[in-house]
Amino acid sequence: MSLLGTHLTLLMGPSVPLPAPLMVLEAFDRAEVSHRDEGHSGFQITFRVGRSSADLLDYALLSSPFLRPMNRVVLIVTFNAVPEVLMDGIITDQQFSPGGGPGESTLTVTGEDVSVMMDLEERSEEHPAQPEAVIALKIIAGYAQYGLIPMVIPPPSIDIPLPTERVPVQQGTDLEYLRDMASRFGYVFYIAPGPAPLTNTAYWGPPVRVGVPQKAISVNMGPDSNADIPSFRYDSLATSFVAGRVQDRMLNQTLPVRTFASTRLPLVSQPAWATQPHTRTRQFRRSGLNTMQAFTQAQAETDASTDRVVEVTGELDAARYAALLKPRGLVGLRGAGYSHDGLYYVKSVTHTIRKGAYTQNFTLTREGLGSITPAVIP
């Protein structure tokens, strides 16, 4: 179906999703897809349900095999003949609302990205002599049927556990364990749709703050504006340093642990951790680590605290923007002045698609004020 020059393709099915039949496409009312850099990404699709004299037993759409729970759903959006995968997920919930009059009944299917399949079974499993990056690769490989392409970035400190000292033990689902391991280093784990239909990228690593920025968000630029941003929020209490002591389990000595700055690649010229006269300091209270592990975890806590000093929320007009704004990457913003122009990390994006309308609501973050680029690529 076409939406303001944009084409939406819907694939559905129990294992290998197929193009949705005409009956399903004609009933389409709206779709909402939410992507975040933490937690599950999700979708919700609403269909108008009708019943004719031929439907003696049930509504035709309700009996369709395409909309059953645990079916796979793929949404592809095409801008200017370039297709991009918007969502690849699993239906987890179905809600039928019989309206009070003709044409008012709706069927709403809700679901999450394919990472939900990693969160169904709790396990008690040992991973002897395997560092976190190897464990992550091994777990991701167990879900190849969902087209997972692993992208695992080893942490800055690699500690191969000797079986005579300790054995990493998983207590919980695969998804919980992957995210728990990631949090130790200020990393994230998520599954992003694409790059091709029926494939997904399983990313385990630091937040992506490098690469070519996406098409710029423009405000206060007259006919060149493509977004509405109500306000910019600066949280001076977000940043925190970490200080304390740890008893090194290898040296059997108590050594200091302290952080002084963020090690994230800078997006601003005036980061809060460097320009504020006062910053929170939190105590380091972990044990059973060596000094390198303790410092890595303390630094991860400081890095994560700087990520959301400045937060921007707004809405994109997809017709003007003519592209998908993707989370977990960079985007340029222009038209708001030196303090707030420049590069941002895309924290989350919610796409709302109706026949005749398409908007993208976004949240952008960074660690302070001031652009580090003389101009933003349009």
Protein backbone atom coordinates (compact mmCIF):
# COMPACT_ATOMS: atom_id res chain seq x y z
CA MET A 1 0.00 0.00 0.00
CA SER A 2 1.17 3.57 -0.70
CA LEU A 3 1.33 6.26 1.98
CA LEU A 4 2.24 9.79 0.82
CA GLY A 5 4.62 8.41 -1.79
CA THR A 6 5.80 5.78 0.65
CA HIS A 7 5.16 2.09 0.10
CA LEU A 8 4.45 -0.26 3.01
CA THR A 9 4.97 -4.00 2.54
CA LEU A 10 3.55 -6.45 5.08
CA LEU A 11 4.82 -10.04 5.40
CA MET A 12 3.23 -12.52 7.81
CA GLY A 13 3.35 -16.23 8.54
CA PRO A 14 4.09 -18.98 11.06
CA SER A 15 7.73 -19.66 10.09
CA VAL A 16 8.73 -18.04 6.80
CA PRO A 17 6.52 -14.94 6.46
CA LEU A 18 4.81 -14.40 3.10
CA PRO A 19 3.17 -11.29 1.57
CA ALA A 20 -0.10 -10.62 3.35
CA PRO A 21 -3.21 -11.41 1.27
CA LEU A 22 -5.42 -8.68 -0.17
CA MET A 23 -8.04 -9.27 2.53
CA VAL A 24 -5.53 -8.34 5.25
CA LEU A 25 -4.17 -5.30 3.38
CA GLU A 26 -7.63 -3.89 2.73
CA ALA A 27 -8.46 -4.19 6.45
CA PHE A 28 -5.28 -2.34 7.50
CA ASP A 29 -6.05 0.74 9.63
CA ARG A 30 -2.82 1.77 11.39
CA ALA A 31 0.53 0.48 12.58
CA GLU A 32 2.77 1.68 15.38
CA VAL A 33 6.37 0.49 15.67
CA SER A 34 8.62 1.46 18.59
CA HIS A 35 12.39 0.99 18.58
CA ARG A 36 14.58 1.65 21.65
CA ASP A 37 18.23 1.06 22.40
CA GLU A 38 17.22 -0.76 25.61
CA GLY A 39 14.58 -3.43 26.11
CA HIS A 40 12.37 -4.89 23.42
CA SER A 41 11.29 -3.09 20.29
CA GLY A 42 7.60 -3.61 19.60
CA PHE A 43 4.78 -3.17 17.14
CA GLN A 44 1.01 -2.88 17.12
CA ILE A 45 -1.13 -3.23 13.99
CA THR A 46 -4.85 -2.47 13.92
CA PHE A 47 -7.25 -3.85 11.30
CA ARG A 48 -10.86 -2.92 10.61
CA VAL A 49 -12.96 -6.08 10.89
CA GLY A 50 -16.11 -6.60 8.87
CA ARG A 51 -18.51 -9.51 8.52
CA SER A 52 -20.52 -10.42 5.44
CA SER A 53 -23.30 -12.91 4.86
CA ALA A 54 -20.68 -15.41 3.72
CA ASP A 55 -19.00 -15.33 7.15
CA LEU A 56 -21.46 -17.59 8.93
CA LEU A 57 -19.24 -18.86 11.75
CA ASP A 58 -16.73 -16.12 12.39
CA TYR A 59 -15.15 -12.93 11.08
CA ALA A 60 -12.94 -13.81 8.12
CA LEU A 61 -9.98 -11.88 9.51
CA LEU A 62 -10.16 -13.62 12.88
CA SER A 63 -9.98 -17.02 11.23
CA SER A 64 -7.06 -15.98 9.01
CA PRO A 65 -3.89 -18.03 9.69
CA PHE A 66 -1.75 -14.93 9.10
CA LEU A 67 -2.73 -13.10 12.31
CA ARG A 68 -2.37 -15.86 14.87
CA PRO A 69 -0.23 -15.35 18.01
CA MET A 70 3.43 -16.40 17.67
CA ASN A 71 3.37 -15.76 13.92
CA ARG A 72 6.22 -13.73 12.48
CA VAL A 73 5.55 -10.24 11.06
CA VAL A 74 7.86 -8.19 8.83
CA LEU A 75 7.10 -4.57 7.89
CA ILE A 76 9.11 -3.00 5.07
CA VAL A 77 8.92 0.72 4.22
CA THR A 78 10.09 1.93 0.81
CA PHE A 79 11.18 5.55 0.35
CA ASN A 80 12.12 6.61 -3.19
CA ALA A 81 12.32 2.99 -4.35
CA VAL A 82 14.74 2.05 -1.53
CA PRO A 83 13.23 -0.60 0.80
CA GLU A 84 14.16 -0.69 4.49
CA VAL A 85 13.03 -3.18 7.11
CA LEU A 86 11.03 -1.35 9.76
CA MET A 87 10.19 -4.34 11.99
CA ASP A 88 10.76 -8.08 12.16
CA GLY A 89 8.88 -9.47 15.12
CA ILE A 90 6.58 -12.02 16.67
CA ILE A 91 2.86 -11.58 17.45
CA THR A 92 2.43 -12.00 21.22
CA ASP A 93 -1.04 -10.57 21.81
CA GLN A 94 -4.32 -10.38 19.91
CA GLN A 95 -7.21 -8.11 20.89
CA PHE A 96 -10.63 -8.13 19.23
CA SER A 97 -13.03 -5.23 19.85
CA PRO A 98 -16.56 -5.77 18.54
CA GLY A 99 -17.76 -2.25 17.75
CA GLY A 100 -21.19 -0.86 18.41
CA GLY A 101 -22.04 -0.42 14.75
CA PRO A 102 -21.10 -1.49 11.22
CA GLY A 103 -17.42 -0.96 10.42
CA GLU A 104 -16.46 -0.21 14.02
CA SER A 105 -15.05 -3.63 14.96
CA THR A 106 -11.24 -3.85 15.15
CA LEU A 107 -8.60 -6.52 15.52
CA THR A 108 -5.30 -5.41 17.03
CA VAL A 109 -2.20 -7.58 17.03
CA THR A 110 0.71 -6.63 19.27
CA GLY A 111 4.19 -8.08 19.27
CA GLU A 112 7.88 -7.66 19.97
CA ASP A 113 11.06 -8.05 17.96
CA VAL A 114 12.48 -11.56 17.58
CA SER A 115 14.50 -11.16 20.78
CA VAL A 116 11.30 -12.22 22.55
CA MET A 117 12.10 -15.78 21.43
CA MET A 118 15.30 -15.56 23.52
CA ASP A 119 13.24 -14.71 26.59
CA LEU A 120 10.91 -17.72 26.73
CA GLU A 121 12.99 -20.39 28.49
CA GLU A 122 14.97 -19.98 31.70
CA ARG A 123 18.19 -21.97 31.82
CA SER A 124 20.73 -23.06 34.41
CA GLU A 125 23.85 -23.47 32.34
CA GLU A 126 27.62 -23.24 32.84
CA HIS A 127 30.01 -21.56 30.39
CA PRO A 128 33.45 -22.80 31.51
CA ALA A 129 36.61 -21.01 30.32
CA GLN A 130 34.61 -18.62 28.10
CA PRO A 131 34.78 -14.79 28.31
CA GLU A 132 31.64 -12.74 27.81
CA ALA A 133 32.11 -12.09 24.08
CA VAL A 134 32.43 -15.81 23.32
CA ILE A 135 29.35 -16.60 25.42
CA ALA A 136 27.40 -13.93 23.55
CA LEU A 137 28.36 -15.38 20.16
CA LYS A 138 27.41 -18.88 21.30
CA ILE A 139 23.98 -17.85 22.55
CA ILE A 140 23.18 -15.80 19.43
CA ALA A 141 24.13 -18.75 17.19
CA GLY A 142 21.33 -20.78 18.77
CA TYR A 143 18.71 -18.56 17.07
CA ALA A 144 19.92 -18.74 13.48
CA GLN A 145 16.39 -19.61 12.27
CA TYR A 146 15.48 -15.93 12.75
CA GLY A 147 18.23 -14.75 10.44
CA LEU A 148 20.41 -13.36 13.25
CA ILE A 149 23.68 -11.81 12.09
CA PRO A 150 25.95 -11.48 15.18
CA MET A 151 27.84 -8.26 15.78
CA VAL A 152 29.77 -8.75 19.03
CA ILE A 153 32.33 -6.18 20.21
CA PRO A 154 34.78 -7.56 22.82
CA PRO A 155 34.96 -5.48 26.01
CA PRO A 156 38.07 -3.43 26.79
CA SER A 157 39.21 -5.92 29.43
CA ILE A 158 39.05 -9.60 28.55
CA ASP A 159 39.21 -11.97 31.47
CA ILE A 160 39.16 -15.65 30.50
CA PRO A 161 37.81 -17.45 33.56
CA LEU A 162 40.01 -20.32 34.67
CA PRO A 163 37.87 -23.32 35.68
CA THR A 164 39.99 -23.72 38.80
CA GLU A 165 38.98 -20.21 39.93
CA ARG A 166 35.44 -19.61 38.69
CA VAL A 167 32.89 -20.78 36.13
CA PRO A 168 30.36 -18.34 34.62
CA VAL A 169 26.88 -19.66 35.33
CA GLN A 170 23.70 -18.57 33.58
CA GLN A 171 20.57 -18.42 35.72
CA GLY A 172 17.74 -17.07 33.59
CA THR A 173 16.76 -16.70 29.97
CA ASP A 174 19.30 -16.16 27.20
CA LEU A 175 18.11 -12.57 26.74
CA GLU A 176 18.45 -11.76 30.44
CA TYR A 177 21.96 -13.19 30.54
CA LEU A 178 23.11 -11.34 27.42
CA ARG A 179 21.89 -8.03 28.84
CA ASP A 180 23.36 -8.74 32.27
CA MET A 181 26.77 -9.41 30.73
CA ALA A 182 26.48 -6.27 28.59
CA SER A 183 25.63 -4.04 31.57
CA ARG A 184 28.92 -4.91 33.28
CA PHE A 185 30.78 -2.93 30.62
CA GLY A 186 28.24 -0.21 29.85
CA TYR A 187 27.29 -2.20 26.76
CA VAL A 188 23.88 -2.85 25.24
CA PHE A 189 22.29 -5.86 23.58
CA TYR A 190 19.51 -5.56 21.06
CA ILE A 191 18.24 -7.05 17.83
CA ALA A 192 17.74 -4.62 14.96
CA PRO A 193 15.76 -5.56 11.83
CA GLY A 194 17.65 -5.93 8.57
CA PRO A 195 19.77 -5.12 6.70
CA ALA A 196 17.78 -7.37 4.32
CA PRO A 197 14.25 -8.73 4.77
CA LEU A 198 14.10 -11.85 6.98
CA THR A 199 17.49 -11.02 8.54
CA ASN A 200 18.25 -9.32 11.87
CA THR A 201 21.40 -7.86 13.39
CA ALA A 202 22.12 -9.08 16.94
CA TYR A 203 24.34 -6.37 18.46
CA TRP A 204 26.27 -6.83 21.72
CA GLY A 205 28.63 -3.95 22.39
CA PRO A 206 28.93 -0.27 23.33
CA PRO A 207 26.30 2.25 22.19
CA VAL A 208 27.07 3.16 18.58
CA ARG A 209 28.50 6.68 18.50
CA VAL A 210 30.53 6.47 15.30
CA GLY A 211 29.68 6.26 11.62
CA VAL A 212 27.98 8.44 9.05
CA PRO A 213 25.12 10.45 10.63
CA GLN A 214 21.61 9.93 9.30
CA LYS A 215 19.75 12.55 7.31
CA ALA A 216 19.58 15.75 9.35
CA ILE A 217 16.66 16.83 11.50
CA SER A 218 15.88 20.47 10.68
CA VAL A 219 13.95 22.93 12.87
CA ASN A 220 13.21 26.66 12.57
CA MET A 221 14.32 26.64 8.93
CA GLY A 222 11.09 27.61 7.19
CA PRO A 223 10.25 25.35 4.25
CA ASP A 224 13.33 23.22 4.99
CA SER A 225 12.03 22.25 8.44
CA ASN A 226 11.03 18.61 8.79
CA ALA A 227 10.46 18.26 12.55
CA ASP A 228 8.72 19.80 15.53
CA ILE A 229 10.78 19.91 18.76
CA PRO A 230 8.94 21.38 21.78
CA SER A 231 12.02 21.69 24.02
CA PHE A 232 15.57 20.64 24.91
CA ARG A 233 16.17 19.27 28.43
CA TYR A 234 19.49 19.57 30.29
CA ASP A 235 19.91 17.38 33.41
CA SER A 236 22.86 18.59 35.47
CA LEU A 237 22.45 15.71 37.96
CA ALA A 238 22.76 12.92 35.40
CA THR A 239 26.55 12.59 35.37
CA SER A 240 28.23 10.65 38.15
CA PHE A 241 31.80 9.60 38.91
CA VAL A 242 32.64 6.42 40.83
CA ALA A 243 35.10 6.13 43.69
CA GLY A 244 35.95 3.37 46.14
CA ARG A 245 38.27 0.47 46.84
CA VAL A 246 38.40 -3.15 45.78
CA GLN A 247 40.24 -6.11 47.20
CA ASP A 248 42.03 -7.58 44.20
CA ARG A 249 41.26 -11.31 44.24
CA MET A 250 44.53 -12.09 42.46
CA LEU A 251 46.91 -9.85 44.41
CA ASN A 252 44.99 -10.06 47.70
CA GLN A 253 45.49 -6.32 48.18
CA THR A 254 43.03 -3.46 48.60
CA LEU A 255 43.47 -0.94 45.79
CA PRO A 256 41.67 2.30 44.91
CA VAL A 257 39.14 2.57 42.08
CA ARG A 258 38.13 5.97 40.71
CA THR A 259 36.81 7.54 37.50
CA PHE A 260 37.42 11.10 36.35
CA ALA A 261 35.89 11.39 32.86
CA SER A 262 33.79 9.66 30.25
CA THR A 263 35.54 7.51 27.67
CA ARG A 264 32.68 7.72 25.16
CA LEU A 265 33.59 9.28 21.82
CA PRO A 266 32.54 12.95 22.25
CA LEU A 267 29.52 14.38 20.46
CA VAL A 268 29.80 17.87 22.02
CA SER A 269 32.39 20.55 22.70
CA GLN A 270 31.14 21.19 26.27
CA PRO A 271 30.51 17.84 28.00
CA ALA A 272 28.84 18.13 31.38
CA TRP A 273 31.47 15.99 33.13
CA ALA A 274 34.20 18.48 32.11
CA THR A 275 32.38 21.83 32.48
CA GLN A 276 30.19 21.43 35.58
CA PRO A 277 31.77 22.64 38.83
CA HIS A 278 30.06 19.90 40.84
CA THR A 279 29.30 16.29 39.89
CA ARG A 280 27.80 13.36 41.76
CA THR A 281 30.21 10.74 43.14
CA ARG A 282 28.93 7.23 43.80
CA GLN A 283 30.64 4.56 45.88
CA PHE A 284 32.06 1.45 44.24
CA ARG A 285 30.69 -1.54 46.16
CA ARG A 286 31.54 -4.70 44.22
CA SER A 287 33.72 -7.58 45.29
CA GLY A 288 35.34 -10.69 43.83
CA LEU A 289 37.07 -8.73 41.06
CA ASN A 290 40.61 -7.93 40.08
CA THR A 291 41.64 -4.29 39.71
CA MET A 292 41.18 -4.19 35.93
CA GLN A 293 37.67 -5.65 36.13
CA ALA A 294 36.74 -3.23 38.92
CA PHE A 295 37.95 -0.21 36.98
CA THR A 296 36.20 -1.38 33.79
CA GLN A 297 32.87 -1.71 35.60
CA ALA A 298 33.29 1.62 37.39
CA GLN A 299 34.12 3.34 34.10
CA ALA A 300 31.09 1.73 32.47
CA GLU A 301 28.86 3.24 35.15
CA THR A 302 30.32 6.70 34.58
CA ASP A 303 30.04 6.42 30.80
CA ALA A 304 26.40 5.36 30.99
CA SER A 305 25.55 8.25 33.32
CA THR A 306 26.76 10.85 30.79
CA ASP A 307 24.66 9.55 27.92
CA ARG A 308 21.45 11.43 28.79
CA VAL A 309 22.58 14.82 30.05
CA VAL A 310 20.77 16.52 27.15
CA GLU A 311 17.54 14.94 25.96
CA VAL A 312 15.49 16.04 22.96
CA THR A 313 12.02 14.78 22.04
CA GLY A 314 10.14 15.68 18.90
CA GLU A 315 8.15 14.55 15.90
CA LEU A 316 9.28 14.10 12.30
CA ASP A 317 7.07 14.55 9.28
CA ALA A 318 7.98 11.42 7.30
CA ALA A 319 6.81 12.98 4.04
CA ARG A 320 9.36 15.80 4.42
CA TYR A 321 12.09 13.64 5.97
CA ALA A 322 11.66 10.91 3.32
CA ALA A 323 13.71 8.34 5.27
CA LEU A 324 13.59 6.08 8.31
CA LEU A 325 15.13 7.59 11.42
CA LYS A 326 16.86 4.66 13.09
CA PRO A 327 17.70 4.42 16.80
CA ARG A 328 21.08 3.25 18.14
CA GLY A 329 23.01 5.54 15.81
CA LEU A 330 23.86 9.18 15.13
CA VAL A 331 21.83 11.96 13.56
CA GLY A 332 22.60 15.59 12.89
CA LEU A 333 20.32 18.40 14.11
CA ARG A 334 20.35 21.94 12.72
CA GLY A 335 18.45 25.19 13.19
CA ALA A 336 18.45 25.27 17.02
CA GLY A 337 21.62 27.34 17.57
CA TYR A 338 25.22 26.47 18.45
CA SER A 339 24.44 25.08 21.91
CA HIS A 340 21.95 22.52 20.63
CA ASP A 341 22.95 21.94 17.01
CA GLY A 342 25.28 19.11 16.03
CA LEU A 343 25.34 15.37 16.50
CA TYR A 344 23.02 13.34 18.74
CA TYR A 345 22.59 9.70 19.67
CA VAL A 346 19.14 8.40 18.67
CA LYS A 347 17.70 6.83 21.82
CA SER A 348 14.29 5.76 20.52
CA VAL A 349 11.91 6.20 17.59
CA THR A 350 8.19 5.44 17.38
CA HIS A 351 6.69 5.17 13.89
CA THR A 352 2.95 5.75 13.46
CA ILE A 353 1.57 4.80 10.05
CA ARG A 354 -1.97 5.37 8.82
CA LYS A 355 -3.44 5.62 5.35
CA GLY A 356 -2.52 9.16 4.40
CA ALA A 357 -0.25 9.94 7.37
CA TYR A 358 3.16 8.86 8.66
CA THR A 359 4.99 10.40 11.62
CA GLN A 360 8.13 9.45 13.55
CA ASN A 361 8.40 10.48 17.21
CA PHE A 362 11.98 10.45 18.48
CA THR A 363 14.18 10.89 21.54
CA LEU A 364 17.78 12.09 21.08
CA THR A 365 20.48 12.28 23.76
CA ARG A 366 24.06 13.43 24.27
CA GLU A 367 26.45 14.39 27.04
CA GLY A 368 26.38 18.18 26.95
CA LEU A 369 26.16 21.33 24.84
CA GLY A 370 27.97 22.75 21.84
CA SER A 371 28.42 21.37 18.37
CA ILE A 372 31.75 19.79 17.36
CA THR A 373 30.98 20.04 13.65
CA PRO A 374 31.02 23.31 11.64
CA ALA A 375 27.95 22.14 9.74
CA VAL A 376 25.45 19.29 9.72
CA ILE A 377 25.02 17.21 6.57
CA PRO A 378 21.45 17.85 5.29
